[in-house]
């Protein structure tokens, strides 16, 4: 998200529409901007299930597809017509 600040606008919009406390969104944002899961993906040894909704407005499905190619021993499930969960 640091490389794509435009996502912050979508994130803020979701926060305004949700019943989730602002502090929760703030903490999640802080955690996400410090995380680089791709650099750690090859260290994952456990079987991994990746689920992504095709209609996710926050995180494009291509991001999960990239992650699925990086994590060994994974199952990737794409859910049509779903949004950000």
N, C-alpha and C. Protein backbone atom coordinates (compact mmCIF):
# COMPACT_ATOMS: atom_id res chain seq x y z
N UNK A 1 0.81 -1.20 0.00
CA UNK A 1 0.00 0.00 0.00
C UNK A 1 0.86 1.27 0.00
N UNK A 2 2.07 1.15 0.53
CA UNK A 2 2.96 2.32 0.54
C UNK A 2 3.29 2.72 -0.89
N UNK A 3 3.45 1.73 -1.76
CA UNK A 3 3.76 2.01 -3.16
C UNK A 3 2.54 2.48 -3.95
N UNK A 4 1.35 2.31 -3.38
CA UNK A 4 0.10 2.68 -4.06
C UNK A 4 -0.78 3.50 -3.11
N UNK A 5 -0.40 4.74 -2.85
CA UNK A 5 -1.17 5.55 -1.89
C UNK A 5 -2.62 5.77 -2.31
N UNK A 6 -2.94 5.58 -3.58
CA UNK A 6 -4.32 5.72 -4.03
C UNK A 6 -5.24 4.71 -3.34
N UNK A 7 -4.66 3.61 -2.88
CA UNK A 7 -5.45 2.61 -2.17
C UNK A 7 -5.94 3.18 -0.85
N UNK A 8 -5.19 4.12 -0.29
CA UNK A 8 -5.60 4.72 0.98
C UNK A 8 -6.98 5.35 0.87
N UNK A 9 -7.28 5.96 -0.27
CA UNK A 9 -8.59 6.57 -0.47
C UNK A 9 -9.70 5.51 -0.38
N UNK A 10 -9.48 4.38 -1.00
CA UNK A 10 -10.46 3.30 -0.93
C UNK A 10 -10.58 2.79 0.50
N UNK A 11 -9.45 2.69 1.17
CA UNK A 11 -9.42 2.23 2.55
C UNK A 11 -10.21 3.18 3.44
N UNK A 12 -10.01 4.48 3.25
CA UNK A 12 -10.73 5.49 4.03
C UNK A 12 -12.23 5.40 3.76
N UNK A 13 -12.60 5.18 2.50
CA UNK A 13 -14.00 5.06 2.14
C UNK A 13 -14.65 3.86 2.83
N UNK A 14 -13.94 2.74 2.85
CA UNK A 14 -14.44 1.55 3.55
C UNK A 14 -14.64 1.84 5.03
N UNK A 15 -13.69 2.55 5.61
CA UNK A 15 -13.78 2.86 7.04
C UNK A 15 -15.02 3.69 7.33
N UNK A 16 -15.30 4.67 6.48
CA UNK A 16 -16.45 5.53 6.69
C UNK A 16 -17.77 4.78 6.56
N UNK A 17 -17.80 3.75 5.71
CA UNK A 17 -19.02 2.99 5.48
C UNK A 17 -19.23 1.86 6.48
N UNK A 18 -18.21 1.53 7.24
CA UNK A 18 -18.30 0.37 8.13
C UNK A 18 -18.69 0.78 9.55
N UNK A 19 -19.01 -0.21 10.34
CA UNK A 19 -19.28 0.00 11.75
C UNK A 19 -18.04 -0.24 12.60
N UNK A 20 -16.93 -0.46 11.95
CA UNK A 20 -15.68 -0.77 12.63
C UNK A 20 -15.08 0.52 13.22
N UNK A 21 -14.61 0.46 14.46
CA UNK A 21 -14.01 1.66 15.06
C UNK A 21 -12.79 2.15 14.27
N UNK A 22 -12.63 3.45 14.21
CA UNK A 22 -11.51 4.04 13.46
C UNK A 22 -10.17 3.48 13.95
N UNK A 23 -10.03 3.29 15.24
CA UNK A 23 -8.75 2.81 15.81
C UNK A 23 -8.37 1.46 15.20
N UNK A 24 -9.35 0.61 14.93
CA UNK A 24 -9.08 -0.69 14.32
C UNK A 24 -8.52 -0.51 12.92
N UNK A 25 -9.13 0.35 12.12
CA UNK A 25 -8.63 0.63 10.77
C UNK A 25 -7.22 1.24 10.83
N UNK A 26 -7.02 2.14 11.76
CA UNK A 26 -5.71 2.79 11.89
C UNK A 26 -4.63 1.76 12.20
N UNK A 27 -4.88 0.87 13.12
CA UNK A 27 -3.89 -0.16 13.47
C UNK A 27 -3.63 -1.11 12.31
N UNK A 28 -4.70 -1.45 11.58
CA UNK A 28 -4.52 -2.34 10.43
C UNK A 28 -3.68 -1.65 9.37
N UNK A 29 -3.96 -0.39 9.11
CA UNK A 29 -3.19 0.38 8.12
C UNK A 29 -1.72 0.41 8.51
N UNK A 30 -1.43 0.69 9.78
CA UNK A 30 -0.05 0.75 10.25
C UNK A 30 0.65 -0.60 10.07
N UNK A 31 -0.05 -1.67 10.37
CA UNK A 31 0.53 -3.01 10.21
C UNK A 31 0.80 -3.33 8.76
N UNK A 32 -0.14 -2.99 7.88
CA UNK A 32 0.00 -3.30 6.46
C UNK A 32 1.15 -2.53 5.81
N UNK A 33 1.32 -1.28 6.17
CA UNK A 33 2.36 -0.50 5.50
C UNK A 33 3.77 -0.92 5.92
N UNK A 34 3.88 -1.67 7.00
CA UNK A 34 5.18 -2.16 7.46
C UNK A 34 5.46 -3.59 7.01
N UNK A 35 4.50 -4.21 6.36
CA UNK A 35 4.61 -5.62 6.02
C UNK A 35 5.00 -5.81 4.55
N UNK A 36 5.92 -6.73 4.33
CA UNK A 36 6.28 -7.13 2.97
C UNK A 36 6.21 -8.65 2.90
N UNK A 37 5.00 -9.16 2.72
CA UNK A 37 4.78 -10.60 2.76
C UNK A 37 5.50 -11.33 1.63
N UNK A 38 5.68 -10.68 0.49
CA UNK A 38 6.36 -11.35 -0.61
C UNK A 38 7.79 -11.73 -0.25
N UNK A 39 8.46 -10.88 0.50
CA UNK A 39 9.84 -11.19 0.87
C UNK A 39 9.91 -12.36 1.84
N UNK A 40 8.83 -12.62 2.55
CA UNK A 40 8.81 -13.71 3.53
C UNK A 40 8.09 -14.95 3.02
N UNK A 41 7.49 -14.87 1.86
CA UNK A 41 6.62 -15.94 1.37
C UNK A 41 7.34 -17.28 1.22
N UNK A 42 8.58 -17.27 0.81
CA UNK A 42 9.29 -18.53 0.59
C UNK A 42 9.68 -19.22 1.89
N UNK A 43 9.56 -18.51 3.01
CA UNK A 43 9.88 -19.12 4.31
C UNK A 43 8.67 -19.85 4.90
N UNK A 44 7.51 -19.70 4.27
CA UNK A 44 6.30 -20.37 4.76
C UNK A 44 6.39 -21.85 4.41
N UNK A 45 6.37 -22.68 5.42
CA UNK A 45 6.52 -24.13 5.23
C UNK A 45 5.20 -24.88 5.37
N UNK A 46 4.22 -24.29 6.03
CA UNK A 46 2.94 -24.96 6.26
C UNK A 46 2.08 -24.89 5.01
N UNK A 47 1.21 -25.87 4.85
CA UNK A 47 0.22 -25.81 3.78
C UNK A 47 -0.59 -24.53 3.98
N UNK A 48 -0.85 -23.82 2.89
CA UNK A 48 -1.48 -22.50 3.00
C UNK A 48 -2.69 -22.40 2.09
N UNK A 49 -3.77 -21.88 2.63
CA UNK A 49 -4.98 -21.63 1.87
C UNK A 49 -5.10 -20.13 1.65
N UNK A 50 -5.15 -19.73 0.39
CA UNK A 50 -5.32 -18.33 0.03
C UNK A 50 -6.70 -18.18 -0.59
N UNK A 51 -7.50 -17.28 -0.03
CA UNK A 51 -8.85 -17.03 -0.54
C UNK A 51 -8.94 -15.55 -0.89
N UNK A 52 -9.42 -15.26 -2.09
CA UNK A 52 -9.54 -13.87 -2.52
C UNK A 52 -10.83 -13.69 -3.30
N UNK A 53 -11.57 -12.64 -2.97
CA UNK A 53 -12.80 -12.33 -3.69
C UNK A 53 -12.45 -11.49 -4.91
N UNK A 54 -13.01 -11.85 -6.04
CA UNK A 54 -12.70 -11.16 -7.29
C UNK A 54 -13.11 -9.69 -7.29
N UNK A 55 -14.11 -9.34 -6.49
CA UNK A 55 -14.59 -7.96 -6.45
C UNK A 55 -13.98 -7.13 -5.33
N UNK A 56 -12.86 -7.58 -4.77
CA UNK A 56 -12.21 -6.85 -3.68
C UNK A 56 -11.73 -5.50 -4.19
N UNK A 57 -12.30 -4.43 -3.65
CA UNK A 57 -11.93 -3.09 -4.08
C UNK A 57 -10.68 -2.57 -3.41
N UNK A 58 -10.22 -3.23 -2.35
CA UNK A 58 -9.04 -2.78 -1.62
C UNK A 58 -7.75 -3.40 -2.16
N UNK A 59 -7.81 -4.68 -2.38
CA UNK A 59 -6.62 -5.42 -2.81
C UNK A 59 -6.96 -6.14 -4.12
N UNK A 60 -6.31 -5.77 -5.22
CA UNK A 60 -6.59 -6.45 -6.49
C UNK A 60 -6.25 -7.94 -6.41
N UNK A 61 -7.05 -8.74 -7.09
CA UNK A 61 -6.85 -10.19 -7.04
C UNK A 61 -5.46 -10.58 -7.57
N UNK A 62 -4.91 -9.77 -8.47
CA UNK A 62 -3.57 -10.09 -9.00
C UNK A 62 -2.53 -10.14 -7.88
N UNK A 63 -2.75 -9.39 -6.80
CA UNK A 63 -1.81 -9.42 -5.67
C UNK A 63 -1.81 -10.81 -5.02
N UNK A 64 -2.99 -11.39 -4.85
CA UNK A 64 -3.06 -12.74 -4.27
C UNK A 64 -2.54 -13.80 -5.23
N UNK A 65 -2.74 -13.58 -6.52
CA UNK A 65 -2.21 -14.53 -7.51
C UNK A 65 -0.68 -14.53 -7.47
N UNK A 66 -0.08 -13.36 -7.31
CA UNK A 66 1.38 -13.27 -7.19
C UNK A 66 1.83 -13.99 -5.93
N UNK A 67 1.14 -13.75 -4.83
CA UNK A 67 1.49 -14.40 -3.57
C UNK A 67 1.36 -15.92 -3.69
N UNK A 68 0.32 -16.38 -4.37
CA UNK A 68 0.12 -17.82 -4.55
C UNK A 68 1.28 -18.46 -5.32
N UNK A 69 1.84 -17.73 -6.25
CA UNK A 69 2.99 -18.27 -7.01
C UNK A 69 4.25 -18.32 -6.15
N UNK A 70 4.30 -17.52 -5.10
CA UNK A 70 5.50 -17.45 -4.27
C UNK A 70 5.49 -18.43 -3.10
N UNK A 71 4.30 -18.78 -2.62
CA UNK A 71 4.20 -19.67 -1.45
C UNK A 71 4.12 -21.11 -1.93
N UNK A 72 5.08 -21.93 -1.50
CA UNK A 72 5.02 -23.34 -1.88
C UNK A 72 3.87 -24.04 -1.15
N UNK A 73 3.35 -25.09 -1.73
CA UNK A 73 2.34 -25.93 -1.09
C UNK A 73 1.11 -25.12 -0.67
N UNK A 74 0.51 -24.40 -1.64
CA UNK A 74 -0.67 -23.61 -1.32
C UNK A 74 -1.85 -24.02 -2.19
N UNK A 75 -3.02 -23.64 -1.73
CA UNK A 75 -4.24 -23.77 -2.53
C UNK A 75 -4.83 -22.38 -2.63
N UNK A 76 -5.10 -21.94 -3.85
CA UNK A 76 -5.65 -20.61 -4.09
C UNK A 76 -7.10 -20.75 -4.54
N UNK A 77 -8.00 -20.06 -3.85
CA UNK A 77 -9.42 -20.07 -4.19
C UNK A 77 -9.84 -18.64 -4.51
N UNK A 78 -10.43 -18.48 -5.67
CA UNK A 78 -10.97 -17.19 -6.08
C UNK A 78 -12.49 -17.25 -5.96
N UNK A 79 -13.07 -16.29 -5.24
CA UNK A 79 -14.51 -16.26 -5.04
C UNK A 79 -15.11 -15.19 -5.93
N UNK A 80 -15.95 -15.59 -6.88
CA UNK A 80 -16.56 -14.59 -7.75
C UNK A 80 -17.61 -13.76 -7.00
N UNK A 81 -17.79 -12.55 -7.44
CA UNK A 81 -18.83 -11.64 -6.92
C UNK A 81 -18.65 -11.26 -5.46
N UNK A 82 -17.54 -11.57 -4.86
CA UNK A 82 -17.30 -11.18 -3.48
C UNK A 82 -16.55 -9.87 -3.40
N UNK A 83 -16.58 -9.24 -2.26
CA UNK A 83 -15.86 -7.99 -2.05
C UNK A 83 -14.77 -8.16 -1.00
N UNK A 84 -14.33 -7.05 -0.45
CA UNK A 84 -13.28 -7.08 0.57
C UNK A 84 -13.89 -7.56 1.88
N UNK A 85 -13.24 -8.52 2.51
CA UNK A 85 -13.74 -9.07 3.76
C UNK A 85 -12.82 -8.66 4.89
